[in-house]
Amino acid sequence: MADTHTWISLAELADTFGISTLHCNRVLEHQGWRDRHGQPTPAALEAQAARSHGPGGRSRHTLWNKTICTAVFKAQGYKARSRHQQIRQWAQFLEAMAAGSPSISTTADQMAEDVPQDLVPAVNDQLAARGSRYRIASHHHAQSRHGTAC
């Protein structure tokens, strides 16, 4: 039977609700799905809310079930951002990052690595529509995502 679940990183889960990964961690800990070391608990694995790769299920490569986790977040009152809103916000953010600031050491390319892969073409289209010269380089984005599962 094919795996019909969508597995996403913690950053992508947090982005779905427009919250930080730190805040997302707290919600998952409150649910009993992350331990104090940031690893998924046996309850999370049993509920199929998380899957982890590595010896003994312990790894930095944890993915979260988008459907199951979204239901938990919504039950706690969180509202998922629409795809359109995510695209618009990523485009605005990356445009500002590309403009730069002497007080910010992170580059737009580094931040673009956190854009969910399925949003990249739409964010690039939005950047173009806004008149920005910045684009997420697809090969760079795919390469950075390929090296890590979370």
N, C-alpha and C. Protein backbone atom coordinates (compact mmCIF):
# COMPACT_ATOMS: atom_id res chain seq x y z
N MET A 1 0.84 -1.17 0.00
CA MET A 1 0.00 0.00 0.00
C MET A 1 0.89 1.24 0.00
N ALA A 2 0.56 2.21 -0.81
CA ALA A 2 1.35 3.43 -0.94
C ALA A 2 1.17 4.32 0.29
N ASP A 3 2.23 5.03 0.61
CA ASP A 3 2.18 5.98 1.72
C ASP A 3 1.43 7.23 1.25
N THR A 4 0.25 7.45 1.79
CA THR A 4 -0.56 8.59 1.36
C THR A 4 -0.40 9.80 2.26
N HIS A 5 0.44 9.68 3.29
CA HIS A 5 0.65 10.78 4.21
C HIS A 5 1.65 11.77 3.64
N THR A 6 1.47 13.02 3.98
CA THR A 6 2.44 14.04 3.61
C THR A 6 3.34 14.25 4.81
N TRP A 7 4.61 14.04 4.63
CA TRP A 7 5.59 14.19 5.69
C TRP A 7 6.37 15.48 5.46
N ILE A 8 6.41 16.32 6.49
CA ILE A 8 7.05 17.62 6.36
C ILE A 8 8.01 17.86 7.53
N SER A 9 8.89 18.81 7.34
CA SER A 9 9.83 19.16 8.40
C SER A 9 9.13 20.00 9.46
N LEU A 10 9.79 20.15 10.58
CA LEU A 10 9.26 20.99 11.65
C LEU A 10 9.11 22.43 11.16
N ALA A 11 10.08 22.91 10.37
CA ALA A 11 10.02 24.27 9.84
C ALA A 11 8.80 24.44 8.94
N GLU A 12 8.51 23.44 8.12
CA GLU A 12 7.34 23.52 7.24
C GLU A 12 6.04 23.47 8.03
N LEU A 13 6.02 22.68 9.10
CA LEU A 13 4.83 22.62 9.96
C LEU A 13 4.60 23.97 10.62
N ALA A 14 5.65 24.56 11.16
CA ALA A 14 5.55 25.88 11.79
C ALA A 14 5.09 26.92 10.77
N ASP A 15 5.64 26.85 9.56
CA ASP A 15 5.29 27.81 8.51
C ASP A 15 3.82 27.71 8.13
N THR A 16 3.26 26.53 8.21
CA THR A 16 1.84 26.33 7.89
C THR A 16 0.96 27.23 8.75
N PHE A 17 1.38 27.44 9.99
CA PHE A 17 0.59 28.23 10.93
C PHE A 17 1.17 29.62 11.18
N GLY A 18 2.26 29.94 10.50
CA GLY A 18 2.87 31.25 10.66
C GLY A 18 3.47 31.46 12.03
N ILE A 19 4.01 30.38 12.62
CA ILE A 19 4.64 30.48 13.93
C ILE A 19 6.10 30.07 13.82
N SER A 20 6.87 30.39 14.84
CA SER A 20 8.28 30.00 14.84
C SER A 20 8.41 28.50 15.11
N THR A 21 9.56 27.96 14.77
CA THR A 21 9.80 26.54 15.06
C THR A 21 9.86 26.32 16.57
N LEU A 22 10.34 27.31 17.30
CA LEU A 22 10.38 27.21 18.77
C LEU A 22 8.96 27.08 19.33
N HIS A 23 8.06 27.91 18.83
CA HIS A 23 6.67 27.83 19.29
C HIS A 23 6.03 26.50 18.87
N CYS A 24 6.34 26.06 17.67
CA CYS A 24 5.84 24.78 17.17
C CYS A 24 6.33 23.65 18.09
N ASN A 25 7.60 23.71 18.48
CA ASN A 25 8.15 22.72 19.41
C ASN A 25 7.34 22.67 20.70
N ARG A 26 7.00 23.84 21.22
CA ARG A 26 6.25 23.90 22.48
C ARG A 26 4.88 23.24 22.34
N VAL A 27 4.22 23.48 21.22
CA VAL A 27 2.90 22.87 21.00
C VAL A 27 3.03 21.36 20.96
N LEU A 28 4.04 20.86 20.25
CA LEU A 28 4.25 19.42 20.15
C LEU A 28 4.65 18.81 21.50
N GLU A 29 5.43 19.55 22.28
CA GLU A 29 5.77 19.07 23.62
C GLU A 29 4.53 19.01 24.49
N HIS A 30 3.70 20.03 24.42
CA HIS A 30 2.46 20.07 25.19
C HIS A 30 1.54 18.89 24.81
N GLN A 31 1.57 18.52 23.55
CA GLN A 31 0.78 17.40 23.06
C GLN A 31 1.38 16.07 23.52
N GLY A 32 2.62 16.12 23.99
CA GLY A 32 3.31 14.90 24.42
C GLY A 32 4.00 14.20 23.27
N TRP A 33 4.27 14.93 22.21
CA TRP A 33 4.86 14.34 21.01
C TRP A 33 6.34 14.66 20.82
N ARG A 34 6.89 15.54 21.65
CA ARG A 34 8.33 15.81 21.60
C ARG A 34 8.86 15.76 23.02
N ASP A 35 10.02 15.14 23.18
CA ASP A 35 10.61 15.07 24.52
C ASP A 35 11.50 16.29 24.76
N ARG A 36 12.10 16.35 25.93
CA ARG A 36 12.90 17.52 26.29
C ARG A 36 14.18 17.64 25.47
N HIS A 37 14.52 16.61 24.73
CA HIS A 37 15.69 16.64 23.85
C HIS A 37 15.31 16.95 22.40
N GLY A 38 14.03 17.24 22.18
CA GLY A 38 13.57 17.59 20.84
C GLY A 38 13.26 16.41 19.95
N GLN A 39 13.24 15.22 20.52
CA GLN A 39 12.97 14.02 19.74
C GLN A 39 11.49 13.65 19.82
N PRO A 40 10.95 13.00 18.80
CA PRO A 40 9.56 12.55 18.90
C PRO A 40 9.42 11.48 19.97
N THR A 41 8.34 11.54 20.70
CA THR A 41 8.10 10.56 21.76
C THR A 41 7.52 9.28 21.16
N PRO A 42 7.52 8.20 21.94
CA PRO A 42 6.86 6.98 21.48
C PRO A 42 5.39 7.23 21.13
N ALA A 43 4.73 8.14 21.87
CA ALA A 43 3.32 8.45 21.59
C ALA A 43 3.17 9.07 20.21
N ALA A 44 4.09 9.93 19.81
CA ALA A 44 4.04 10.56 18.49
C ALA A 44 4.26 9.52 17.39
N LEU A 45 5.20 8.63 17.63
CA LEU A 45 5.48 7.58 16.64
C LEU A 45 4.31 6.61 16.53
N GLU A 46 3.72 6.26 17.67
CA GLU A 46 2.58 5.35 17.68
C GLU A 46 1.36 5.98 16.98
N ALA A 47 1.17 7.28 17.18
CA ALA A 47 0.05 7.98 16.54
C ALA A 47 0.31 8.25 15.07
N GLN A 48 1.50 7.89 14.60
CA GLN A 48 1.94 8.14 13.23
C GLN A 48 1.97 9.64 12.92
N ALA A 49 2.21 10.44 13.97
CA ALA A 49 2.33 11.89 13.80
C ALA A 49 3.76 12.25 13.42
N ALA A 50 4.70 11.36 13.70
CA ALA A 50 6.10 11.62 13.40
C ALA A 50 6.76 10.33 12.95
N ARG A 51 7.83 10.50 12.22
CA ARG A 51 8.69 9.36 11.91
C ARG A 51 10.12 9.88 11.94
N SER A 52 10.98 9.05 12.45
CA SER A 52 12.36 9.44 12.66
C SER A 52 13.26 8.38 12.08
N HIS A 53 14.34 8.83 11.47
CA HIS A 53 15.28 7.89 10.86
C HIS A 53 16.57 7.89 11.65
N GLY A 54 17.05 6.71 11.95
CA GLY A 54 18.31 6.59 12.68
C GLY A 54 18.23 5.44 13.67
N PRO A 55 19.33 5.14 14.32
CA PRO A 55 19.35 4.05 15.29
C PRO A 55 18.39 4.30 16.44
N GLY A 56 17.55 3.35 16.71
CA GLY A 56 16.60 3.46 17.82
C GLY A 56 15.56 4.54 17.64
N GLY A 57 15.36 4.96 16.39
CA GLY A 57 14.39 6.01 16.12
C GLY A 57 14.88 7.39 16.53
N ARG A 58 16.11 7.49 17.01
CA ARG A 58 16.68 8.77 17.44
C ARG A 58 17.51 9.36 16.31
N SER A 59 17.13 10.52 15.88
CA SER A 59 17.84 11.16 14.79
C SER A 59 17.42 12.61 14.68
N ARG A 60 18.24 13.39 14.05
CA ARG A 60 17.85 14.76 13.77
C ARG A 60 16.94 14.79 12.54
N HIS A 61 16.72 13.68 11.91
CA HIS A 61 15.92 13.60 10.70
C HIS A 61 14.50 13.15 11.02
N THR A 62 13.75 14.03 11.64
CA THR A 62 12.37 13.73 12.00
C THR A 62 11.45 14.45 11.03
N LEU A 63 10.46 13.74 10.57
CA LEU A 63 9.42 14.32 9.72
C LEU A 63 8.10 14.20 10.45
N TRP A 64 7.20 15.13 10.17
CA TRP A 64 5.90 15.19 10.85
C TRP A 64 4.79 15.00 9.84
N ASN A 65 3.76 14.27 10.26
CA ASN A 65 2.61 14.00 9.41
C ASN A 65 1.76 15.27 9.34
N LYS A 66 1.69 15.86 8.17
CA LYS A 66 1.01 17.15 8.02
C LYS A 66 -0.47 17.07 8.41
N THR A 67 -1.15 16.03 8.01
CA THR A 67 -2.58 15.89 8.29
C THR A 67 -2.86 15.75 9.78
N ILE A 68 -2.14 14.85 10.43
CA ILE A 68 -2.35 14.59 11.85
C ILE A 68 -1.96 15.80 12.69
N CYS A 69 -0.81 16.38 12.40
CA CYS A 69 -0.34 17.53 13.18
C CYS A 69 -1.22 18.75 12.96
N THR A 70 -1.66 18.97 11.74
CA THR A 70 -2.54 20.10 11.46
C THR A 70 -3.83 19.99 12.26
N ALA A 71 -4.36 18.78 12.37
CA ALA A 71 -5.59 18.58 13.14
C ALA A 71 -5.36 18.95 14.61
N VAL A 72 -4.21 18.59 15.15
CA VAL A 72 -3.89 18.92 16.55
C VAL A 72 -3.77 20.43 16.73
N PHE A 73 -3.06 21.08 15.83
CA PHE A 73 -2.89 22.53 15.94
C PHE A 73 -4.24 23.25 15.81
N LYS A 74 -5.07 22.81 14.88
CA LYS A 74 -6.38 23.44 14.70
C LYS A 74 -7.26 23.23 15.93
N ALA A 75 -7.18 22.05 16.54
CA ALA A 75 -7.96 21.76 17.74
C ALA A 75 -7.53 22.68 18.90
N GLN A 76 -6.30 23.15 18.86
CA GLN A 76 -5.80 24.06 19.89
C GLN A 76 -6.01 25.53 19.52
N GLY A 77 -6.73 25.77 18.42
CA GLY A 77 -7.09 27.14 18.05
C GLY A 77 -6.19 27.81 17.03
N TYR A 78 -5.20 27.10 16.51
CA TYR A 78 -4.33 27.69 15.49
C TYR A 78 -5.03 27.65 14.14
N LYS A 79 -4.78 28.65 13.33
CA LYS A 79 -5.37 28.71 12.00
C LYS A 79 -4.25 28.62 10.96
N ALA A 80 -4.42 27.69 10.05
CA ALA A 80 -3.44 27.53 8.99
C ALA A 80 -3.52 28.71 8.03
N ARG A 81 -2.35 29.16 7.61
CA ARG A 81 -2.32 30.24 6.62
C ARG A 81 -2.68 29.64 5.26
N SER A 82 -3.35 30.42 4.46
CA SER A 82 -3.69 29.95 3.12
C SER A 82 -2.41 29.89 2.28
N ARG A 83 -2.46 29.10 1.25
CA ARG A 83 -1.32 29.00 0.33
C ARG A 83 -0.99 30.37 -0.24
N HIS A 84 -2.01 31.11 -0.61
CA HIS A 84 -1.82 32.45 -1.18
C HIS A 84 -1.09 33.35 -0.18
N GLN A 85 -1.51 33.30 1.08
CA GLN A 85 -0.89 34.12 2.11
C GLN A 85 0.57 33.71 2.33
N GLN A 86 0.84 32.41 2.33
CA GLN A 86 2.21 31.94 2.49
C GLN A 86 3.09 32.45 1.36
N ILE A 87 2.61 32.36 0.14
CA ILE A 87 3.37 32.81 -1.03
C ILE A 87 3.66 34.31 -0.92
N ARG A 88 2.64 35.08 -0.61
CA ARG A 88 2.79 36.54 -0.50
C ARG A 88 3.80 36.90 0.59
N GLN A 89 3.69 36.24 1.75
CA GLN A 89 4.59 36.56 2.85
C GLN A 89 6.03 36.15 2.54
N TRP A 90 6.24 34.99 1.94
CA TRP A 90 7.60 34.57 1.57
C TRP A 90 8.18 35.55 0.56
N ALA A 91 7.40 35.97 -0.42
CA ALA A 91 7.90 36.91 -1.43
C ALA A 91 8.29 38.24 -0.78
N GLN A 92 7.45 38.76 0.09
CA GLN A 92 7.76 40.02 0.77
C GLN A 92 9.03 39.88 1.61
N PHE A 93 9.12 38.79 2.33
CA PHE A 93 10.27 38.56 3.20
C PHE A 93 11.56 38.44 2.39
N LEU A 94 11.55 37.63 1.34
CA LEU A 94 12.75 37.43 0.54
C LEU A 94 13.16 38.70 -0.20
N GLU A 95 12.18 39.46 -0.63
CA GLU A 95 12.47 40.73 -1.29
C GLU A 95 13.20 41.67 -0.31
N ALA A 96 12.72 41.73 0.91
CA ALA A 96 13.37 42.56 1.93
C ALA A 96 14.77 42.03 2.25
N MET A 97 14.91 40.72 2.35
CA MET A 97 16.22 40.12 2.63
C MET A 97 17.20 40.41 1.50
N ALA A 98 16.72 40.33 0.26
CA ALA A 98 17.59 40.58 -0.89
C ALA A 98 18.06 42.04 -0.91
N ALA A 99 17.22 42.95 -0.42
CA ALA A 99 17.60 44.36 -0.35
C ALA A 99 18.74 44.55 0.64
N GLY A 100 18.76 43.71 1.65
CA GLY A 100 19.85 43.69 2.61
C GLY A 100 19.78 44.76 3.67
N SER A 101 20.59 44.54 4.69
CA SER A 101 20.72 45.47 5.80
C SER A 101 22.05 45.16 6.46
N PRO A 102 22.80 46.19 6.85
CA PRO A 102 24.10 45.93 7.49
C PRO A 102 23.97 45.16 8.81
N SER A 103 22.81 45.20 9.42
CA SER A 103 22.64 44.52 10.71
C SER A 103 22.19 43.07 10.58
N ILE A 104 21.94 42.61 9.35
CA ILE A 104 21.50 41.23 9.12
C ILE A 104 22.59 40.48 8.39
N SER A 105 23.06 39.39 8.99
CA SER A 105 24.16 38.63 8.38
C SER A 105 23.66 37.47 7.52
N THR A 106 22.39 37.12 7.64
CA THR A 106 21.82 36.03 6.85
C THR A 106 21.46 36.56 5.47
N THR A 107 21.69 35.73 4.45
CA THR A 107 21.38 36.15 3.09
C THR A 107 19.99 35.65 2.68
N ALA A 108 19.47 36.25 1.63
CA ALA A 108 18.18 35.82 1.09
C ALA A 108 18.26 34.37 0.64
N ASP A 109 19.39 33.98 0.06
CA ASP A 109 19.56 32.59 -0.39
C ASP A 109 19.50 31.61 0.79
N GLN A 110 20.10 32.00 1.91
CA GLN A 110 20.04 31.13 3.09
C GLN A 110 18.60 31.00 3.60
N MET A 111 17.86 32.10 3.61
CA MET A 111 16.48 32.06 4.06
C MET A 111 15.59 31.29 3.08
N ALA A 112 15.91 31.40 1.80
CA ALA A 112 15.12 30.72 0.77
C ALA A 112 15.16 29.20 0.93
N GLU A 113 16.19 28.69 1.61
CA GLU A 113 16.27 27.25 1.84
C GLU A 113 15.11 26.74 2.67
N ASP A 114 14.45 27.62 3.43
CA ASP A 114 13.33 27.22 4.27
C ASP A 114 11.97 27.31 3.57
N VAL A 115 11.96 27.82 2.35
CA VAL A 115 10.70 27.90 1.61
C VAL A 115 10.29 26.49 1.21
N PRO A 116 9.07 26.08 1.54
CA PRO A 116 8.63 24.74 1.12
C PRO A 116 8.77 24.58 -0.40
N GLN A 117 9.31 23.45 -0.81
CA GLN A 117 9.61 23.20 -2.23
C GLN A 117 8.40 23.44 -3.13
N ASP A 118 7.20 23.06 -2.67
CA ASP A 118 6.03 23.22 -3.53
C ASP A 118 5.63 24.68 -3.72
N LEU A 119 6.18 25.59 -2.92
CA LEU A 119 5.87 27.01 -3.06
C LEU A 119 6.87 27.78 -3.91
N VAL A 120 8.03 27.18 -4.19
CA VAL A 120 9.11 27.88 -4.88
C VAL A 120 8.66 28.52 -6.20
N PRO A 121 8.02 27.79 -7.12
CA PRO A 121 7.62 28.44 -8.38
C PRO A 121 6.66 29.61 -8.16
N ALA A 122 5.71 29.45 -7.27
CA ALA A 122 4.74 30.51 -7.01
C ALA A 122 5.38 31.72 -6.33
N VAL A 123 6.32 31.47 -5.42
CA VAL A 123 7.02 32.58 -4.77
C VAL A 123 7.86 33.33 -5.80
N ASN A 124 8.53 32.60 -6.68
CA ASN A 124 9.30 33.26 -7.75
C ASN A 124 8.38 34.09 -8.66
N ASP A 125 7.20 33.56 -8.97
CA ASP A 125 6.24 34.32 -9.78
C ASP A 125 5.81 35.59 -9.05
N GLN A 126 5.57 35.47 -7.74
CA GLN A 126 5.16 36.63 -6.94
C GLN A 126 6.28 37.67 -6.88
N LEU A 127 7.51 37.21 -6.74
CA LEU A 127 8.65 38.12 -6.74
C LEU A 127 8.73 38.88 -8.07
N ALA A 128 8.52 38.16 -9.16
CA ALA A 128 8.54 38.80 -10.48
C ALA A 128 7.42 39.83 -10.60
N ALA A 129 6.24 39.47 -10.13
CA ALA A 129 5.10 40.38 -10.20
C ALA A 129 5.34 41.64 -9.36
N ARG A 130 6.12 41.51 -8.30
CA ARG A 130 6.43 42.65 -7.43
C ARG A 130 7.57 43.49 -7.98
N GLY A 131 8.18 43.03 -9.09
CA GLY A 131 9.28 43.76 -9.69
C GLY A 131 10.63 43.49 -9.06
N SER A 132 10.70 42.46 -8.22
CA SER A 132 11.96 42.11 -7.57
C SER A 132 12.84 41.32 -8.54
N ARG A 133 14.12 41.55 -8.47
CA ARG A 133 15.06 40.79 -9.29
C ARG A 133 15.44 39.46 -8.64
N TYR A 134 15.16 39.33 -7.35
CA TYR A 134 15.54 38.12 -6.62
C TYR A 134 14.67 36.94 -7.04
N ARG A 135 15.30 35.78 -7.19
CA ARG A 135 14.59 34.52 -7.45
C ARG A 135 15.25 33.43 -6.61
N ILE A 136 14.43 32.49 -6.18
CA ILE A 136 14.96 31.31 -5.51
C ILE A 136 15.53 30.42 -6.60
N ALA A 137 16.79 30.08 -6.47
CA ALA A 137 17.44 29.21 -7.45
C ALA A 137 16.97 27.78 -7.20
N SER A 138 16.23 27.23 -8.12
CA SER A 138 15.65 25.90 -7.93
C SER A 138 16.69 24.83 -7.65
N HIS A 139 17.80 24.84 -8.38
CA HIS A 139 18.82 23.81 -8.17
C HIS A 139 19.46 23.96 -6.80
N HIS A 140 19.67 25.19 -6.33
CA HIS A 140 20.26 25.41 -5.00
C HIS A 140 19.28 24.96 -3.92
N HIS A 141 18.01 25.30 -4.09
CA HIS A 141 16.97 24.96 -3.10
C HIS A 141 16.81 23.45 -3.01
N ALA A 142 16.73 22.78 -4.15
CA ALA A 142 16.55 21.33 -4.15
C ALA A 142 17.77 20.64 -3.55
N GLN A 143 18.94 21.18 -3.84
CA GLN A 143 20.18 20.62 -3.33
C GLN A 143 20.24 20.72 -1.81
N SER A 144 19.87 21.88 -1.27
CA SER A 144 19.92 22.05 0.18
C SER A 144 18.88 21.20 0.87
N ARG A 145 17.72 21.00 0.26
CA ARG A 145 16.68 20.16 0.84
C ARG A 145 17.05 18.70 0.78
N HIS A 146 17.76 18.32 -0.30
CA HIS A 146 18.09 16.91 -0.48
C HIS A 146 19.04 16.41 0.60
N GLY A 147 19.90 17.29 1.11
CA GLY A 147 20.89 16.89 2.09
C GLY A 147 20.33 16.62 3.47
N THR A 148 19.13 17.04 3.77
CA THR A 148 18.57 16.85 5.11
C THR A 148 17.08 16.57 5.03
N ALA A 149 16.60 15.79 5.96
CA ALA A 149 15.17 15.46 5.95
C ALA A 149 14.37 16.43 6.81
N CYS A 150 15.01 17.31 7.52
CA CYS A 150 14.25 18.25 8.33
C CYS A 150 14.75 19.63 8.29
